[in-house]
Amino acid sequence: MVKLVVCGAINWDVCCFVERLPVPGEEVTVKHITRVSGGTGANVAVAAARILGPKQVALIGALGEDDIAQQQVAALATEGVITEGVNSVPGEESGQAYILVDQEGQNVIASRLGANARLCPEYLNKSPVRGLLQECRGIVLTDPPLEVAAELINLAKRRSIPVLWDPGILISQGWEALRLLARQTDILFLNEAEATALFGIAEVDMSLQHLQELELPSHVVLKLGARGATMLEPATGIMIEIPALPLKDLGLDVINTVGCGDVFVGAFAAYRVLGASMQKSLIMASVAAGLNATQPETRGSPERTTLETTEQCSRDFGFIIRGYKRSKNC
């Protein structure tokens, strides 16, 4: 039985490693290039599958009719991800992302959506996809077209299936376009840039106040990179903070932060469908994202045994969760 269904982008990542990111108008030298499978939806699915095991995670997405598509499906199958929900779009190329990564692991990304943008709500009515949605215990949305996200959220609500949403590039459509859907999700994931784009602020306490004013009932998780993550519960004013994994104390170094946000979401979702608490899921997501940053590949997330062993070892270095409560009136 499928535990988790993920819907989102499948990209071919062309990663160019540079000493530092260029400023506008500047040319820098590329030290080396990697070409690997990526895309937010596919990355989340793989990260979750490494925790839940083979045939427990299914991906809904779209690829073109090209050589990239064949490589993508093969890579997903090798990871144990069910690919029956991946649609082939005639006359379209598969999605691609062009990424610059500096020596600190920071990155900038430009994506060619390709077939990803052609996924449509009607595809969700196809027999294989309907079967996956009826079986699952949770649904993760990353950045499918907004109308697809809306249809999946509606389907999930009718069947009382938890929905986790990381809107990513959909942020560009503005809060008014996302507001009604965000209110129906169980967990909304945002990074600092996305929170600033939507609300004009990313500072945790002010974000919580603003979310309370918007009357969001769901949990909002702010992915803060090197500062860890914070889970906000607007309805109660509760804030739960987890620091970033103490890599230096563990003898590890940051190599590449591409895909860390996706790994965070995948690990969080995996532990939720396993029955873990919100707090435990937040902890394991932070560990998974931290370990991913120590690998050169986009999909460098660990399997469950490594993840849980690392979490145990990290407690000695202050890797613990902290909770606060803020009054709605202050």
Foldseek 3Di string as FASTA:
>chain_A
DAAEEEEWAKAWEKEFEFQDDDDPPDDGDTPDIDTHIDTLRLLLQLLLCLAQHAPRYEYAFEAEPDPVVVVRVVVSVVSRYHDPRYYYDYPKHGKYKYWYAHQQQDIDIDIDHIGQQVDDLVSCPDDVNVVNLVPYQAYEYEARPLRNLVSSLVSCVVVVHAYEYHHPPCLVVECVSCVVVQLSHQEYEDEQVSLCSHPVGRPPLVSLLVVLVSVRQHWYKYAYPQQAIWIAGNVFQKIKGWGAQPQVVVVAHFGHQAQLSSSLNSQLSSVVSVPDDNQVSSLLSRLQSNQCRRDNDNNRGHHNVVSVVSSVVRVVVVRDMDMDGDDNVD
